[in-house]
């Protein structure tokens, strides 16, 4: 399967819009540390997959992959500090 740069950009923009929409909806909810403790083990493999896919996208993909990798490291540190894992 071949994907053009334009369709990759359109796909990324679509995903960003859905994530931003979800973020706006979740801002009204209070953050609870126990939610993060149960969410992180599920979210981490998804972020790792997205990070490895992002590296395959020419141009900004390497930067996006690096940002996601950094986010994973920060998430691991927060999980260790907050959840004691």
PDB file of N, CA and C in Angstrom:
ATOM      1  N   UNK A   1       0.841  -1.173   0.000  1.00  0.00           N
ATOM      2  CA  UNK A   1       0.000   0.000   0.000  1.00  0.00           C
ATOM      3  C   UNK A   1       0.885   1.233   0.000  1.00  0.00           C
ATOM      4  N   UNK A   2       0.646   2.109  -0.943  1.00  0.00           N
ATOM      5  CA  UNK A   2       1.406   3.344  -1.043  1.00  0.00           C
ATOM      6  C   UNK A   2       0.529   4.499  -0.591  1.00  0.00           C
ATOM      7  N   UNK A   3       1.113   5.375   0.199  1.00  0.00           N
ATOM      8  CA  UNK A   3       0.368   6.532   0.684  1.00  0.00           C
ATOM      9  C   UNK A   3       1.121   7.784   0.263  1.00  0.00           C
ATOM     10  N   UNK A   4       0.401   8.738  -0.287  1.00  0.00           N
ATOM     11  CA  UNK A   4       1.038   9.976  -0.723  1.00  0.00           C
ATOM     12  C   UNK A   4       1.223  10.899   0.473  1.00  0.00           C
ATOM     13  N   UNK A   5       2.091  11.869   0.300  1.00  0.00           N
ATOM     14  CA  UNK A   5       2.335  12.833   1.374  1.00  0.00           C
ATOM     15  C   UNK A   5       1.062  13.598   1.703  1.00  0.00           C
ATOM     16  N   UNK A   6       0.298  13.933   0.673  1.00  0.00           N
ATOM     17  CA  UNK A   6      -0.923  14.702   0.896  1.00  0.00           C
ATOM     18  C   UNK A   6      -1.955  13.891   1.669  1.00  0.00           C
ATOM     19  N   UNK A   7      -2.102  12.623   1.340  1.00  0.00           N
ATOM     20  CA  UNK A   7      -3.073  11.822   2.083  1.00  0.00           C
ATOM     21  C   UNK A   7      -2.582  11.548   3.498  1.00  0.00           C
ATOM     22  N   UNK A   8      -1.276  11.460   3.699  1.00  0.00           N
ATOM     23  CA  UNK A   8      -0.739  11.290   5.050  1.00  0.00           C
ATOM     24  C   UNK A   8      -1.020  12.531   5.888  1.00  0.00           C
ATOM     25  N   UNK A   9      -0.819  13.701   5.287  1.00  0.00           N
ATOM     26  CA  UNK A   9      -1.090  14.957   5.997  1.00  0.00           C
ATOM     27  C   UNK A   9      -2.575  15.055   6.329  1.00  0.00           C
ATOM     28  N   UNK A  10      -3.428  14.697   5.381  1.00  0.00           N
ATOM     29  CA  UNK A  10      -4.871  14.740   5.624  1.00  0.00           C
ATOM     30  C   UNK A  10      -5.261  13.789   6.752  1.00  0.00           C
ATOM     31  N   UNK A  11      -4.666  12.608   6.768  1.00  0.00           N
ATOM     32  CA  UNK A  11      -4.951  11.631   7.815  1.00  0.00           C
ATOM     33  C   UNK A  11      -4.499  12.142   9.181  1.00  0.00           C
ATOM     34  N   UNK A  12      -3.310  12.713   9.228  1.00  0.00           N
ATOM     35  CA  UNK A  12      -2.782  13.248  10.489  1.00  0.00           C
ATOM     36  C   UNK A  12      -3.653  14.396  10.980  1.00  0.00           C
ATOM     37  N   UNK A  13      -4.029  15.304  10.062  1.00  0.00           N
ATOM     38  CA  UNK A  13      -4.882  16.426  10.453  1.00  0.00           C
ATOM     39  C   UNK A  13      -6.227  15.943  10.977  1.00  0.00           C
ATOM     40  N   UNK A  14      -6.774  14.928  10.354  1.00  0.00           N
ATOM     41  CA  UNK A  14      -8.043  14.360  10.801  1.00  0.00           C
ATOM     42  C   UNK A  14      -7.914  13.793  12.213  1.00  0.00           C
ATOM     43  N   UNK A  15      -6.828  13.062  12.459  1.00  0.00           N
ATOM     44  CA  UNK A  15      -6.607  12.487  13.791  1.00  0.00           C
ATOM     45  C   UNK A  15      -6.386  13.580  14.830  1.00  0.00           C
ATOM     46  N   UNK A  16      -5.643  14.634  14.449  1.00  0.00           N
ATOM     47  CA  UNK A  16      -5.410  15.737  15.380  1.00  0.00           C
ATOM     48  C   UNK A  16      -6.717  16.416  15.759  1.00  0.00           C
ATOM     49  N   UNK A  17      -7.595  16.608  14.784  1.00  0.00           N
ATOM     50  CA  UNK A  17      -8.882  17.233  15.072  1.00  0.00           C
ATOM     51  C   UNK A  17      -9.709  16.382  16.024  1.00  0.00           C
ATOM     52  N   UNK A  18      -9.696  15.076  15.831  1.00  0.00           N
ATOM     53  CA  UNK A  18     -10.475  14.215  16.728  1.00  0.00           C
ATOM     54  C   UNK A  18      -9.880  14.199  18.131  1.00  0.00           C
ATOM     55  N   UNK A  19      -8.555  14.231  18.219  1.00  0.00           N
ATOM     56  CA  UNK A  19      -7.903  14.268  19.535  1.00  0.00           C
ATOM     57  C   UNK A  19      -8.186  15.590  20.223  1.00  0.00           C
ATOM     58  N   UNK A  20      -8.105  16.697  19.468  1.00  0.00           N
ATOM     59  CA  UNK A  20      -8.383  18.005  20.049  1.00  0.00           C
ATOM     60  C   UNK A  20      -9.830  18.091  20.516  1.00  0.00           C
ATOM     61  N   UNK A  21     -10.730  17.538  19.751  1.00  0.00           N
ATOM     62  CA  UNK A  21     -12.143  17.522  20.130  1.00  0.00           C
ATOM     63  C   UNK A  21     -12.342  16.737  21.422  1.00  0.00           C
ATOM     64  N   UNK A  22     -11.692  15.592  21.528  1.00  0.00           N
ATOM     65  CA  UNK A  22     -11.797  14.786  22.744  1.00  0.00           C
ATOM     66  C   UNK A  22     -11.173  15.510  23.930  1.00  0.00           C
ATOM     67  N   UNK A  23     -10.073  16.233  23.684  1.00  0.00           N
ATOM     68  CA  UNK A  23      -9.408  16.964  24.763  1.00  0.00           C
ATOM     69  C   UNK A  23     -10.302  18.076  25.293  1.00  0.00           C
ATOM     70  N   UNK A  24     -10.987  18.766  24.400  1.00  0.00           N
ATOM     71  CA  UNK A  24     -11.891  19.830  24.824  1.00  0.00           C
ATOM     72  C   UNK A  24     -13.012  19.253  25.676  1.00  0.00           C
ATOM     73  N   UNK A  25     -13.535  18.112  25.289  1.00  0.00           N
ATOM     74  CA  UNK A  25     -14.615  17.491  26.049  1.00  0.00           C
ATOM     75  C   UNK A  25     -14.144  17.014  27.417  1.00  0.00           C
ATOM     76  N   UNK A  26     -12.914  16.559  27.507  1.00  0.00           N
ATOM     77  CA  UNK A  26     -12.432  16.016  28.778  1.00  0.00           C
ATOM     78  C   UNK A  26     -11.922  17.087  29.726  1.00  0.00           C
ATOM     79  N   UNK A  27     -11.757  18.317  29.247  1.00  0.00           N
ATOM     80  CA  UNK A  27     -11.270  19.384  30.126  1.00  0.00           C
ATOM     81  C   UNK A  27     -12.233  19.673  31.263  1.00  0.00           C
ATOM     82  N   UNK A  28     -13.508  19.444  31.025  1.00  0.00           N
ATOM     83  CA  UNK A  28     -14.490  19.730  32.066  1.00  0.00           C
ATOM     84  C   UNK A  28     -14.423  18.717  33.208  1.00  0.00           C
ATOM     85  N   UNK A  29     -13.894  17.552  32.942  1.00  0.00           N
ATOM     86  CA  UNK A  29     -13.786  16.521  33.980  1.00  0.00           C
ATOM     87  C   UNK A  29     -12.550  16.775  34.835  1.00  0.00           C
ATOM     88  N   UNK A  30     -12.674  16.541  36.126  1.00  0.00           N
ATOM     89  CA  UNK A  30     -11.535  16.719  37.025  1.00  0.00           C
ATOM     90  C   UNK A  30     -10.542  15.583  36.823  1.00  0.00           C
ATOM     91  N   UNK A  31      -9.253  15.899  36.922  1.00  0.00           N
ATOM     92  CA  UNK A  31      -8.214  14.888  36.765  1.00  0.00           C
ATOM     93  C   UNK A  31      -8.065  14.127  38.065  1.00  0.00           C
ATOM     94  N   UNK A  32      -8.028  12.849  37.962  1.00  0.00           N
ATOM     95  CA  UNK A  32      -7.860  11.978  39.120  1.00  0.00           C
ATOM     96  C   UNK A  32      -6.637  11.099  38.869  1.00  0.00           C
ATOM     97  N   UNK A  33      -5.694  11.088  39.806  1.00  0.00           N
ATOM     98  CA  UNK A  33      -4.454  10.329  39.620  1.00  0.00           C
ATOM     99  C   UNK A  33      -4.716   8.845  39.414  1.00  0.00           C
ATOM    100  N   UNK A  34      -5.758   8.324  40.024  1.00  0.00           N
ATOM    101  CA  UNK A  34      -6.039   6.899  39.854  1.00  0.00           C
ATOM    102  C   UNK A  34      -6.463   6.584  38.425  1.00  0.00           C
ATOM    103  N   UNK A  35      -7.069   7.548  37.740  1.00  0.00           N
ATOM    104  CA  UNK A  35      -7.410   7.344  36.335  1.00  0.00           C
ATOM    105  C   UNK A  35      -6.140   7.171  35.512  1.00  0.00           C
ATOM    106  N   UNK A  36      -5.129   7.988  35.770  1.00  0.00           N
ATOM    107  CA  UNK A  36      -3.873   7.877  35.035  1.00  0.00           C
ATOM    108  C   UNK A  36      -3.220   6.531  35.315  1.00  0.00           C
ATOM    109  N   UNK A  37      -3.283   6.097  36.562  1.00  0.00           N
ATOM    110  CA  UNK A  37      -2.648   4.828  36.928  1.00  0.00           C
ATOM    111  C   UNK A  37      -3.263   3.649  36.186  1.00  0.00           C
ATOM    112  N   UNK A  38      -4.549   3.696  35.953  1.00  0.00           N
ATOM    113  CA  UNK A  38      -5.175   2.602  35.213  1.00  0.00           C
ATOM    114  C   UNK A  38      -5.091   2.811  33.709  1.00  0.00           C
ATOM    115  N   UNK A  39      -4.990   4.062  33.280  1.00  0.00           N
ATOM    116  CA  UNK A  39      -4.970   4.368  31.854  1.00  0.00           C
ATOM    117  C   UNK A  39      -3.593   4.162  31.227  1.00  0.00           C
ATOM    118  N   UNK A  40      -2.528   4.506  31.930  1.00  0.00           N
ATOM    119  CA  UNK A  40      -1.196   4.494  31.337  1.00  0.00           C
ATOM    120  C   UNK A  40      -0.769   3.131  30.783  1.00  0.00           C
ATOM    121  N   UNK A  41      -0.973   2.021  31.495  1.00  0.00           N
ATOM    122  CA  UNK A  41      -0.558   0.730  30.922  1.00  0.00           C
ATOM    123  C   UNK A  41      -1.262   0.401  29.603  1.00  0.00           C
ATOM    124  N   UNK A  42      -2.445   0.948  29.394  1.00  0.00           N
ATOM    125  CA  UNK A  42      -3.160   0.739  28.137  1.00  0.00           C
ATOM    126  C   UNK A  42      -2.707   1.732  27.074  1.00  0.00           C
ATOM    127  N   UNK A  43      -2.466   2.972  27.485  1.00  0.00           N
ATOM    128  CA  UNK A  43      -2.113   4.028  26.535  1.00  0.00           C
ATOM    129  C   UNK A  43      -0.677   3.908  26.026  1.00  0.00           C
ATOM    130  N   UNK A  44       0.224   3.423  26.859  1.00  0.00           N
ATOM    131  CA  UNK A  44       1.638   3.379  26.484  1.00  0.00           C
ATOM    132  C   UNK A  44       1.897   2.560  25.216  1.00  0.00           C
ATOM    133  N   UNK A  45       1.382   1.339  25.083  1.00  0.00           N
ATOM    134  CA  UNK A  45       1.645   0.585  23.847  1.00  0.00           C
ATOM    135  C   UNK A  45       1.065   1.265  22.603  1.00  0.00           C
ATOM    136  N   UNK A  46      -0.058   1.955  22.777  1.00  0.00           N
ATOM    137  CA  UNK A  46      -0.646   2.676  21.647  1.00  0.00           C
ATOM    138  C   UNK A  46       0.268   3.818  21.231  1.00  0.00           C
ATOM    139  N   UNK A  47       0.782   4.561  22.206  1.00  0.00           N
ATOM    140  CA  UNK A  47       1.707   5.654  21.904  1.00  0.00           C
ATOM    141  C   UNK A  47       2.997   5.127  21.277  1.00  0.00           C
ATOM    142  N   UNK A  48       3.474   3.977  21.738  1.00  0.00           N
ATOM    143  CA  UNK A  48       4.672   3.388  21.147  1.00  0.00           C
ATOM    144  C   UNK A  48       4.433   3.013  19.689  1.00  0.00           C
ATOM    145  N   UNK A  49       3.275   2.467  19.393  1.00  0.00           N
ATOM    146  CA  UNK A  49       2.932   2.123  18.018  1.00  0.00           C
ATOM    147  C   UNK A  49       2.850   3.379  17.156  1.00  0.00           C
ATOM    148  N   UNK A  50       2.167   4.407  17.656  1.00  0.00           N
ATOM    149  CA  UNK A  50       2.058   5.652  16.902  1.00  0.00           C
ATOM    150  C   UNK A  50       3.421   6.294  16.681  1.00  0.00           C
ATOM    151  N   UNK A  51       4.284   6.199  17.676  1.00  0.00           N
ATOM    152  CA  UNK A  51       5.629   6.748  17.549  1.00  0.00           C
ATOM    153  C   UNK A  51       6.409   6.044  16.452  1.00  0.00           C
ATOM    154  N   UNK A  52       6.322   4.727  16.411  1.00  0.00           N
ATOM    155  CA  UNK A  52       7.065   3.986  15.383  1.00  0.00           C
ATOM    156  C   UNK A  52       6.479   4.230  13.999  1.00  0.00           C
ATOM    157  N   UNK A  53       5.165   4.409  13.903  1.00  0.00           N
ATOM    158  CA  UNK A  53       4.548   4.726  12.612  1.00  0.00           C
ATOM    159  C   UNK A  53       4.939   6.132  12.174  1.00  0.00           C
ATOM    160  N   UNK A  54       4.981   7.067  13.117  1.00  0.00           N
ATOM    161  CA  UNK A  54       5.310   8.454  12.785  1.00  0.00           C
ATOM    162  C   UNK A  54       6.702   8.562  12.184  1.00  0.00           C
ATOM    163  N   UNK A  55       7.636   7.752  12.660  1.00  0.00           N
ATOM    164  CA  UNK A  55       8.994   7.810  12.126  1.00  0.00           C
ATOM    165  C   UNK A  55       9.041   7.451  10.643  1.00  0.00           C
ATOM    166  N   UNK A  56       8.043   6.726  10.147  1.00  0.00           N
ATOM    167  CA  UNK A  56       8.013   6.323   8.745  1.00  0.00           C
ATOM    168  C   UNK A  56       7.527   7.432   7.818  1.00  0.00           C
ATOM    169  N   UNK A  57       6.902   8.463   8.375  1.00  0.00           N
ATOM    170  CA  UNK A  57       6.366   9.554   7.566  1.00  0.00           C
ATOM    171  C   UNK A  57       7.503  10.506   7.208  1.00  0.00           C
ATOM    172  N   UNK A  58       7.718  10.740   5.921  1.00  0.00           N
ATOM    173  CA  UNK A  58       8.791  11.649   5.511  1.00  0.00           C
ATOM    174  C   UNK A  58       8.537  13.068   6.020  1.00  0.00           C
ATOM    175  N   UNK A  59       9.595  13.768   6.307  1.00  0.00           N
ATOM    176  CA  UNK A  59       9.476  15.162   6.740  1.00  0.00           C
ATOM    177  C   UNK A  59       9.284  15.272   8.234  1.00  0.00           C
ATOM    178  N   UNK A  60       8.085  15.659   8.628  1.00  0.00           N
ATOM    179  CA  UNK A  60       7.803  15.924  10.043  1.00  0.00           C
ATOM    180  C   UNK A  60       7.625  14.658  10.869  1.00  0.00           C
ATOM    181  N   UNK A  61       7.590  13.513  10.233  1.00  0.00           N
ATOM    182  CA  UNK A  61       7.363  12.261  10.948  1.00  0.00           C
ATOM    183  C   UNK A  61       8.408  11.972  12.000  1.00  0.00           C
ATOM    184  N   UNK A  62       9.670  12.232  11.675  1.00  0.00           N
ATOM    185  CA  UNK A  62      10.741  11.970  12.645  1.00  0.00           C
ATOM    186  C   UNK A  62      10.578  12.850  13.873  1.00  0.00           C
ATOM    187  N   UNK A  63      10.215  14.108  13.659  1.00  0.00           N
ATOM    188  CA  UNK A  63       9.988  15.014  14.787  1.00  0.00           C
ATOM    189  C   UNK A  63       8.805  14.584  15.628  1.00  0.00           C
ATOM    190  N   UNK A  64       7.729  14.188  14.960  1.00  0.00           N
ATOM    191  CA  UNK A  64       6.537  13.730  15.680  1.00  0.00           C
ATOM    192  C   UNK A  64       6.833  12.453  16.459  1.00  0.00           C
ATOM    193  N   UNK A  65       7.596  11.556  15.849  1.00  0.00           N
ATOM    194  CA  UNK A  65       7.973  10.325  16.538  1.00  0.00           C
ATOM    195  C   UNK A  65       8.816  10.604  17.764  1.00  0.00           C
ATOM    196  N   UNK A  66       9.726  11.572  17.640  1.00  0.00           N
ATOM    197  CA  UNK A  66      10.573  11.936  18.774  1.00  0.00           C
ATOM    198  C   UNK A  66       9.749  12.565  19.895  1.00  0.00           C
ATOM    199  N   UNK A  67       8.774  13.386  19.527  1.00  0.00           N
ATOM    200  CA  UNK A  67       7.903  13.999  20.536  1.00  0.00           C
ATOM    201  C   UNK A  67       7.109  12.919  21.266  1.00  0.00           C
ATOM    202  N   UNK A  68       6.577  11.963  20.525  1.00  0.00           N
ATOM    203  CA  UNK A  68       5.830  10.871  21.159  1.00  0.00           C
ATOM    204  C   UNK A  68       6.735  10.024  22.050  1.00  0.00           C
ATOM    205  N   UNK A  69       7.968   9.784  21.609  1.00  0.00           N
ATOM    206  CA  UNK A  69       8.909   9.020  22.435  1.00  0.00           C
ATOM    207  C   UNK A  69       9.198   9.771  23.738  1.00  0.00           C
ATOM    208  N   UNK A  70       9.339  11.096  23.643  1.00  0.00           N
ATOM    209  CA  UNK A  70       9.538  11.906  24.843  1.00  0.00           C
ATOM    210  C   UNK A  70       8.329  11.864  25.760  1.00  0.00           C
ATOM    211  N   UNK A  71       7.142  11.895  25.168  1.00  0.00           N
ATOM    212  CA  UNK A  71       5.908  11.810  25.942  1.00  0.00           C
ATOM    213  C   UNK A  71       5.817  10.480  26.680  1.00  0.00           C
ATOM    214  N   UNK A  72       6.264   9.425  26.033  1.00  0.00           N
ATOM    215  CA  UNK A  72       6.253   8.103  26.669  1.00  0.00           C
ATOM    216  C   UNK A  72       7.194   8.082  27.872  1.00  0.00           C
ATOM    217  N   UNK A  73       8.372   8.682  27.726  1.00  0.00           N
ATOM    218  CA  UNK A  73       9.318   8.727  28.848  1.00  0.00           C
ATOM    219  C   UNK A  73       8.744   9.520  30.017  1.00  0.00           C
ATOM    220  N   UNK A  74       8.124  10.660  29.709  1.00  0.00           N
ATOM    221  CA  UNK A  74       7.516  11.473  30.764  1.00  0.00           C
ATOM    222  C   UNK A  74       6.374  10.706  31.421  1.00  0.00           C
ATOM    223  N   UNK A  75       5.560  10.040  30.613  1.00  0.00           N
ATOM    224  CA  UNK A  75       4.460   9.238  31.155  1.00  0.00           C
ATOM    225  C   UNK A  75       4.954   8.135  32.069  1.00  0.00           C
ATOM    226  N   UNK A  76       6.060   7.489  31.673  1.00  0.00           N
ATOM    227  CA  UNK A  76       6.648   6.450  32.524  1.00  0.00           C
ATOM    228  C   UNK A  76       7.090   7.022  33.867  1.00  0.00           C
ATOM    229  N   UNK A  77       7.709   8.213  33.835  1.00  0.00           N
ATOM    230  CA  UNK A  77       8.169   8.836  35.074  1.00  0.00           C
ATOM    231  C   UNK A  77       6.993   9.224  35.964  1.00  0.00           C
ATOM    232  N   UNK A  78       5.958   9.797  35.353  1.00  0.00           N
ATOM    233  CA  UNK A  78       4.776  10.176  36.127  1.00  0.00           C
ATOM    234  C   UNK A  78       4.115   8.934  36.717  1.00  0.00           C
ATOM    235  N   UNK A  79       4.029   7.882  35.917  1.00  0.00           N
ATOM    236  CA  UNK A  79       3.409   6.637  36.394  1.00  0.00           C
ATOM    237  C   UNK A  79       4.199   6.063  37.568  1.00  0.00           C
ATOM    238  N   UNK A  80       5.523   6.083  37.453  1.00  0.00           N
ATOM    239  CA  UNK A  80       6.357   5.553  38.538  1.00  0.00           C
ATOM    240  C   UNK A  80       6.208   6.390  39.807  1.00  0.00           C
ATOM    241  N   UNK A  81       6.184   7.718  39.658  1.00  0.00           N
ATOM    242  CA  UNK A  81       6.077   8.597  40.824  1.00  0.00           C
ATOM    243  C   UNK A  81       4.685   8.577  41.442  1.00  0.00           C
ATOM    244  N   UNK A  82       3.669   8.577  40.602  1.00  0.00           N
ATOM    245  CA  UNK A  82       2.294   8.695  41.083  1.00  0.00           C
ATOM    246  C   UNK A  82       1.710   7.361  41.524  1.00  0.00           C
ATOM    247  N   UNK A  83       1.999   6.338  40.756  1.00  0.00           N
ATOM    248  CA  UNK A  83       1.339   5.046  40.981  1.00  0.00           C
ATOM    249  C   UNK A  83       2.222   4.055  41.725  1.00  0.00           C
ATOM    250  N   UNK A  84       3.489   4.403  41.901  1.00  0.00           N
ATOM    251  CA  UNK A  84       4.396   3.525  42.620  1.00  0.00           C
ATOM    252  C   UNK A  84       4.751   2.262  41.874  1.00  0.00           C
ATOM    253  N   UNK A  85       4.681   2.321  40.552  1.00  0.00           N
ATOM    254  CA  UNK A  85       5.007   1.123  39.758  1.00  0.00           C
ATOM    255  C   UNK A  85       6.420   1.184  39.252  1.00  0.00           C
TER     256      UNK A  85
END
